[in-house]
């Protein structure tokens, strides 16, 4: 991981606000975490809490 770590939110389009990076997948959104850019910790925590409240998918 030389540029960033990609955090995937598989139902990220249902989060408000949505994580910043779009996906080719219908519902996913991503957050890139880099040493070179500051992390908005409050937004990250809010996304993780909101994503944890969404029912998981059966595989």
PDB file of N, CA and C in Angstrom:
ATOM      1  N   UNK A   1       0.844  -1.171   0.000  1.00  0.00           N
ATOM      2  CA  UNK A   1       0.000   0.000   0.000  1.00  0.00           C
ATOM      3  C   UNK A   1       0.888   1.232   0.000  1.00  0.00           C
ATOM      4  N   UNK A   2       1.253   1.689  -1.146  1.00  0.00           N
ATOM      5  CA  UNK A   2       2.180   2.807  -1.213  1.00  0.00           C
ATOM      6  C   UNK A   2       1.484   4.164  -1.322  1.00  0.00           C
ATOM      7  N   UNK A   3       0.249   4.188  -1.842  1.00  0.00           N
ATOM      8  CA  UNK A   3      -0.424   5.481  -2.011  1.00  0.00           C
ATOM      9  C   UNK A   3      -1.552   5.686  -1.008  1.00  0.00           C
ATOM     10  N   UNK A   4      -2.353   4.656  -0.794  1.00  0.00           N
ATOM     11  CA  UNK A   4      -3.478   4.779   0.130  1.00  0.00           C
ATOM     12  C   UNK A   4      -4.037   3.406   0.457  1.00  0.00           C
ATOM     13  N   UNK A   5      -4.863   3.366   1.481  1.00  0.00           N
ATOM     14  CA  UNK A   5      -5.633   2.168   1.829  1.00  0.00           C
ATOM     15  C   UNK A   5      -7.073   2.479   1.470  1.00  0.00           C
ATOM     16  N   UNK A   6      -7.703   1.585   0.737  1.00  0.00           N
ATOM     17  CA  UNK A   6      -9.082   1.783   0.311  1.00  0.00           C
ATOM     18  C   UNK A   6     -10.012   1.116   1.317  1.00  0.00           C
ATOM     19  N   UNK A   7     -10.895   1.914   1.929  1.00  0.00           N
ATOM     20  CA  UNK A   7     -11.912   1.394   2.841  1.00  0.00           C
ATOM     21  C   UNK A   7     -13.205   1.295   2.048  1.00  0.00           C
ATOM     22  N   UNK A   8     -13.762   0.100   1.971  1.00  0.00           N
ATOM     23  CA  UNK A   8     -14.971  -0.128   1.187  1.00  0.00           C
ATOM     24  C   UNK A   8     -16.208  -0.103   2.069  1.00  0.00           C
ATOM     25  N   UNK A   9     -17.207   0.626   1.613  1.00  0.00           N
ATOM     26  CA  UNK A   9     -18.532   0.622   2.218  1.00  0.00           C
ATOM     27  C   UNK A   9     -19.458   0.028   1.161  1.00  0.00           C
ATOM     28  N   UNK A  10     -19.809  -1.253   1.328  1.00  0.00           N
ATOM     29  CA  UNK A  10     -20.517  -1.973   0.275  1.00  0.00           C
ATOM     30  C   UNK A  10     -21.911  -1.429   0.005  1.00  0.00           C
ATOM     31  N   UNK A  11     -22.544  -0.793   0.968  1.00  0.00           N
ATOM     32  CA  UNK A  11     -23.814  -0.090   0.755  1.00  0.00           C
ATOM     33  C   UNK A  11     -23.607   1.404   0.998  1.00  0.00           C
ATOM     34  N   UNK A  12     -22.488   1.913   0.565  1.00  0.00           N
ATOM     35  CA  UNK A  12     -22.099   3.288   0.828  1.00  0.00           C
ATOM     36  C   UNK A  12     -22.999   4.338   0.217  1.00  0.00           C
ATOM     37  N   UNK A  13     -23.709   3.998  -0.856  1.00  0.00           N
ATOM     38  CA  UNK A  13     -24.602   4.986  -1.466  1.00  0.00           C
ATOM     39  C   UNK A  13     -25.837   5.232  -0.607  1.00  0.00           C
ATOM     40  N   UNK A  14     -26.066   4.388   0.383  1.00  0.00           N
ATOM     41  CA  UNK A  14     -27.203   4.605   1.283  1.00  0.00           C
ATOM     42  C   UNK A  14     -26.799   5.449   2.493  1.00  0.00           C
ATOM     43  N   UNK A  15     -25.508   5.777   2.632  1.00  0.00           N
ATOM     44  CA  UNK A  15     -25.046   6.592   3.752  1.00  0.00           C
ATOM     45  C   UNK A  15     -25.221   8.074   3.414  1.00  0.00           C
ATOM     46  N   UNK A  16     -25.464   8.874   4.440  1.00  0.00           N
ATOM     47  CA  UNK A  16     -25.661  10.311   4.239  1.00  0.00           C
ATOM     48  C   UNK A  16     -24.810  11.075   5.224  1.00  0.00           C
ATOM     49  N   UNK A  17     -23.792  11.779   4.764  1.00  0.00           N
ATOM     50  CA  UNK A  17     -23.343  11.904   3.384  1.00  0.00           C
ATOM     51  C   UNK A  17     -22.618  10.636   2.930  1.00  0.00           C
ATOM     52  N   UNK A  18     -22.534  10.464   1.628  1.00  0.00           N
ATOM     53  CA  UNK A  18     -21.861   9.294   1.074  1.00  0.00           C
ATOM     54  C   UNK A  18     -20.348   9.451   1.201  1.00  0.00           C
ATOM     55  N   UNK A  19     -19.631   8.340   1.380  1.00  0.00           N
ATOM     56  CA  UNK A  19     -18.170   8.396   1.288  1.00  0.00           C
ATOM     57  C   UNK A  19     -17.769   8.966  -0.081  1.00  0.00           C
ATOM     58  N   UNK A  20     -16.601   9.592  -0.187  1.00  0.00           N
ATOM     59  CA  UNK A  20     -16.277  10.422  -1.346  1.00  0.00           C
ATOM     60  C   UNK A  20     -15.979   9.728  -2.669  1.00  0.00           C
ATOM     61  N   UNK A  21     -15.557   8.471  -2.664  1.00  0.00           N
ATOM     62  CA  UNK A  21     -15.087   7.859  -3.915  1.00  0.00           C
ATOM     63  C   UNK A  21     -16.136   6.897  -4.462  1.00  0.00           C
ATOM     64  N   UNK A  22     -16.516   7.117  -5.730  1.00  0.00           N
ATOM     65  CA  UNK A  22     -17.529   6.291  -6.385  1.00  0.00           C
ATOM     66  C   UNK A  22     -16.954   4.927  -6.751  1.00  0.00           C
ATOM     67  N   UNK A  23     -17.837   4.028  -7.144  1.00  0.00           N
ATOM     68  CA  UNK A  23     -17.459   2.660  -7.481  1.00  0.00           C
ATOM     69  C   UNK A  23     -18.145   2.240  -8.771  1.00  0.00           C
ATOM     70  N   UNK A  24     -17.605   1.221  -9.413  1.00  0.00           N
ATOM     71  CA  UNK A  24     -18.269   0.619 -10.567  1.00  0.00           C
ATOM     72  C   UNK A  24     -19.458  -0.221 -10.121  1.00  0.00           C
ATOM     73  N   UNK A  25     -19.438  -0.637  -8.857  1.00  0.00           N
ATOM     74  CA  UNK A  25     -20.514  -1.439  -8.291  1.00  0.00           C
ATOM     75  C   UNK A  25     -21.690  -0.531  -7.950  1.00  0.00           C
ATOM     76  N   UNK A  26     -22.889  -1.035  -8.077  1.00  0.00           N
ATOM     77  CA  UNK A  26     -24.095  -0.218  -7.945  1.00  0.00           C
ATOM     78  C   UNK A  26     -24.221   0.509  -6.609  1.00  0.00           C
ATOM     79  N   UNK A  27     -23.893  -0.116  -5.506  1.00  0.00           N
ATOM     80  CA  UNK A  27     -24.182   0.465  -4.197  1.00  0.00           C
ATOM     81  C   UNK A  27     -22.947   0.867  -3.394  1.00  0.00           C
ATOM     82  N   UNK A  28     -21.769   0.512  -3.858  1.00  0.00           N
ATOM     83  CA  UNK A  28     -20.544   0.719  -3.069  1.00  0.00           C
ATOM     84  C   UNK A  28     -19.999   2.137  -3.211  1.00  0.00           C
ATOM     85  N   UNK A  29     -19.335   2.578  -2.156  1.00  0.00           N
ATOM     86  CA  UNK A  29     -18.553   3.820  -2.135  1.00  0.00           C
ATOM     87  C   UNK A  29     -17.281   3.535  -1.346  1.00  0.00           C
ATOM     88  N   UNK A  30     -16.258   4.337  -1.560  1.00  0.00           N
ATOM     89  CA  UNK A  30     -14.970   4.100  -0.918  1.00  0.00           C
ATOM     90  C   UNK A  30     -14.437   5.356  -0.245  1.00  0.00           C
ATOM     91  N   UNK A  31     -13.521   5.118   0.670  1.00  0.00           N
ATOM     92  CA  UNK A  31     -12.748   6.176   1.299  1.00  0.00           C
ATOM     93  C   UNK A  31     -11.290   5.778   1.155  1.00  0.00           C
ATOM     94  N   UNK A  32     -10.466   6.667   0.615  1.00  0.00           N
ATOM     95  CA  UNK A  32      -9.035   6.415   0.513  1.00  0.00           C
ATOM     96  C   UNK A  32      -8.351   7.077   1.701  1.00  0.00           C
ATOM     97  N   UNK A  33      -7.603   6.289   2.469  1.00  0.00           N
ATOM     98  CA  UNK A  33      -6.881   6.788   3.630  1.00  0.00           C
ATOM     99  C   UNK A  33      -5.403   6.838   3.261  1.00  0.00           C
ATOM    100  N   UNK A  34      -4.822   8.035   3.350  1.00  0.00           N
ATOM    101  CA  UNK A  34      -3.439   8.255   2.935  1.00  0.00           C
ATOM    102  C   UNK A  34      -2.668   8.964   4.036  1.00  0.00           C
ATOM    103  N   UNK A  35      -1.380   8.718   4.098  1.00  0.00           N
ATOM    104  CA  UNK A  35      -0.527   9.455   5.033  1.00  0.00           C
ATOM    105  C   UNK A  35      -0.413  10.921   4.632  1.00  0.00           C
ATOM    106  N   UNK A  36      -0.591  11.200   3.353  1.00  0.00           N
ATOM    107  CA  UNK A  36      -0.366  12.549   2.842  1.00  0.00           C
ATOM    108  C   UNK A  36      -1.572  13.471   2.994  1.00  0.00           C
ATOM    109  N   UNK A  37      -2.740  12.910   3.235  1.00  0.00           N
ATOM    110  CA  UNK A  37      -3.941  13.719   3.382  1.00  0.00           C
ATOM    111  C   UNK A  37      -4.533  13.481   4.764  1.00  0.00           C
ATOM    112  N   UNK A  38      -5.024  14.533   5.401  1.00  0.00           N
ATOM    113  CA  UNK A  38      -5.609  14.346   6.733  1.00  0.00           C
ATOM    114  C   UNK A  38      -6.900  13.531   6.662  1.00  0.00           C
ATOM    115  N   UNK A  39      -7.113  12.719   7.663  1.00  0.00           N
ATOM    116  CA  UNK A  39      -8.324  11.905   7.751  1.00  0.00           C
ATOM    117  C   UNK A  39      -9.355  12.667   8.560  1.00  0.00           C
ATOM    118  N   UNK A  40     -10.549  12.797   8.014  1.00  0.00           N
ATOM    119  CA  UNK A  40     -11.653  13.389   8.761  1.00  0.00           C
ATOM    120  C   UNK A  40     -12.191  12.300   9.680  1.00  0.00           C
ATOM    121  N   UNK A  41     -11.638  12.233  10.879  1.00  0.00           N
ATOM    122  CA  UNK A  41     -11.961  11.155  11.803  1.00  0.00           C
ATOM    123  C   UNK A  41     -13.438  11.136  12.179  1.00  0.00           C
ATOM    124  N   UNK A  42     -14.037  12.292  12.353  1.00  0.00           N
ATOM    125  CA  UNK A  42     -15.455  12.346  12.723  1.00  0.00           C
ATOM    126  C   UNK A  42     -16.322  11.755  11.615  1.00  0.00           C
ATOM    127  N   UNK A  43     -16.020  12.080  10.367  1.00  0.00           N
ATOM    128  CA  UNK A  43     -16.780  11.528   9.242  1.00  0.00           C
ATOM    129  C   UNK A  43     -16.561  10.024   9.141  1.00  0.00           C
ATOM    130  N   UNK A  44     -15.321   9.577   9.315  1.00  0.00           N
ATOM    131  CA  UNK A  44     -15.024   8.148   9.240  1.00  0.00           C
ATOM    132  C   UNK A  44     -15.796   7.374  10.308  1.00  0.00           C
ATOM    133  N   UNK A  45     -15.782   7.863  11.531  1.00  0.00           N
ATOM    134  CA  UNK A  45     -16.513   7.199  12.621  1.00  0.00           C
ATOM    135  C   UNK A  45     -18.009   7.182  12.310  1.00  0.00           C
ATOM    136  N   UNK A  46     -18.543   8.286  11.805  1.00  0.00           N
ATOM    137  CA  UNK A  46     -19.968   8.352  11.468  1.00  0.00           C
ATOM    138  C   UNK A  46     -20.319   7.338  10.382  1.00  0.00           C
ATOM    139  N   UNK A  47     -19.460   7.201   9.352  1.00  0.00           N
ATOM    140  CA  UNK A  47     -19.717   6.227   8.285  1.00  0.00           C
ATOM    141  C   UNK A  47     -19.685   4.799   8.824  1.00  0.00           C
ATOM    142  N   UNK A  48     -18.724   4.494   9.669  1.00  0.00           N
ATOM    143  CA  UNK A  48     -18.627   3.137  10.221  1.00  0.00           C
ATOM    144  C   UNK A  48     -19.848   2.830  11.084  1.00  0.00           C
ATOM    145  N   UNK A  49     -20.266   3.770  11.929  1.00  0.00           N
ATOM    146  CA  UNK A  49     -21.460   3.556  12.755  1.00  0.00           C
ATOM    147  C   UNK A  49     -22.704   3.386  11.889  1.00  0.00           C
ATOM    148  N   UNK A  50     -22.863   4.232  10.910  1.00  0.00           N
ATOM    149  CA  UNK A  50     -24.037   4.141  10.027  1.00  0.00           C
ATOM    150  C   UNK A  50     -24.016   2.835   9.227  1.00  0.00           C
ATOM    151  N   UNK A  51     -22.844   2.442   8.735  1.00  0.00           N
ATOM    152  CA  UNK A  51     -22.734   1.199   7.965  1.00  0.00           C
ATOM    153  C   UNK A  51     -23.006  -0.018   8.835  1.00  0.00           C
ATOM    154  N   UNK A  52     -22.627   0.051  10.109  1.00  0.00           N
ATOM    155  CA  UNK A  52     -22.860  -1.094  11.001  1.00  0.00           C
ATOM    156  C   UNK A  52     -24.344  -1.277  11.311  1.00  0.00           C
ATOM    157  N   UNK A  53     -25.140  -0.241  11.113  1.00  0.00           N
ATOM    158  CA  UNK A  53     -26.574  -0.331  11.365  1.00  0.00           C
ATOM    159  C   UNK A  53     -27.344  -0.907  10.175  1.00  0.00           C
ATOM    160  N   UNK A  54     -26.684  -1.002   9.021  1.00  0.00           N
ATOM    161  CA  UNK A  54     -27.329  -1.544   7.821  1.00  0.00           C
ATOM    162  C   UNK A  54     -27.266  -3.064   7.894  1.00  0.00           C
ATOM    163  N   UNK A  55     -28.399  -3.747   7.664  1.00  0.00           N
ATOM    164  CA  UNK A  55     -28.363  -5.215   7.688  1.00  0.00           C
ATOM    165  C   UNK A  55     -27.348  -5.765   6.682  1.00  0.00           C
ATOM    166  N   UNK A  56     -26.634  -6.791   7.084  1.00  0.00           N
ATOM    167  CA  UNK A  56     -25.641  -7.414   6.223  1.00  0.00           C
ATOM    168  C   UNK A  56     -26.292  -8.243   5.120  1.00  0.00           C
ATOM    169  N   UNK A  57     -25.479  -8.630   4.152  1.00  0.00           N
ATOM    170  CA  UNK A  57     -25.971  -9.464   3.066  1.00  0.00           C
ATOM    171  C   UNK A  57     -25.644 -10.911   3.356  1.00  0.00           C
ATOM    172  N   UNK A  58     -26.552 -11.793   3.002  1.00  0.00           N
ATOM    173  CA  UNK A  58     -26.306 -13.226   3.132  1.00  0.00           C
ATOM    174  C   UNK A  58     -25.520 -13.686   1.935  1.00  0.00           C
ATOM    175  N   UNK A  59     -24.463 -14.431   2.200  1.00  0.00           N
ATOM    176  CA  UNK A  59     -23.619 -14.889   1.095  1.00  0.00           C
ATOM    177  C   UNK A  59     -23.681 -16.392   0.986  1.00  0.00           C
TER     178      UNK A  59
END
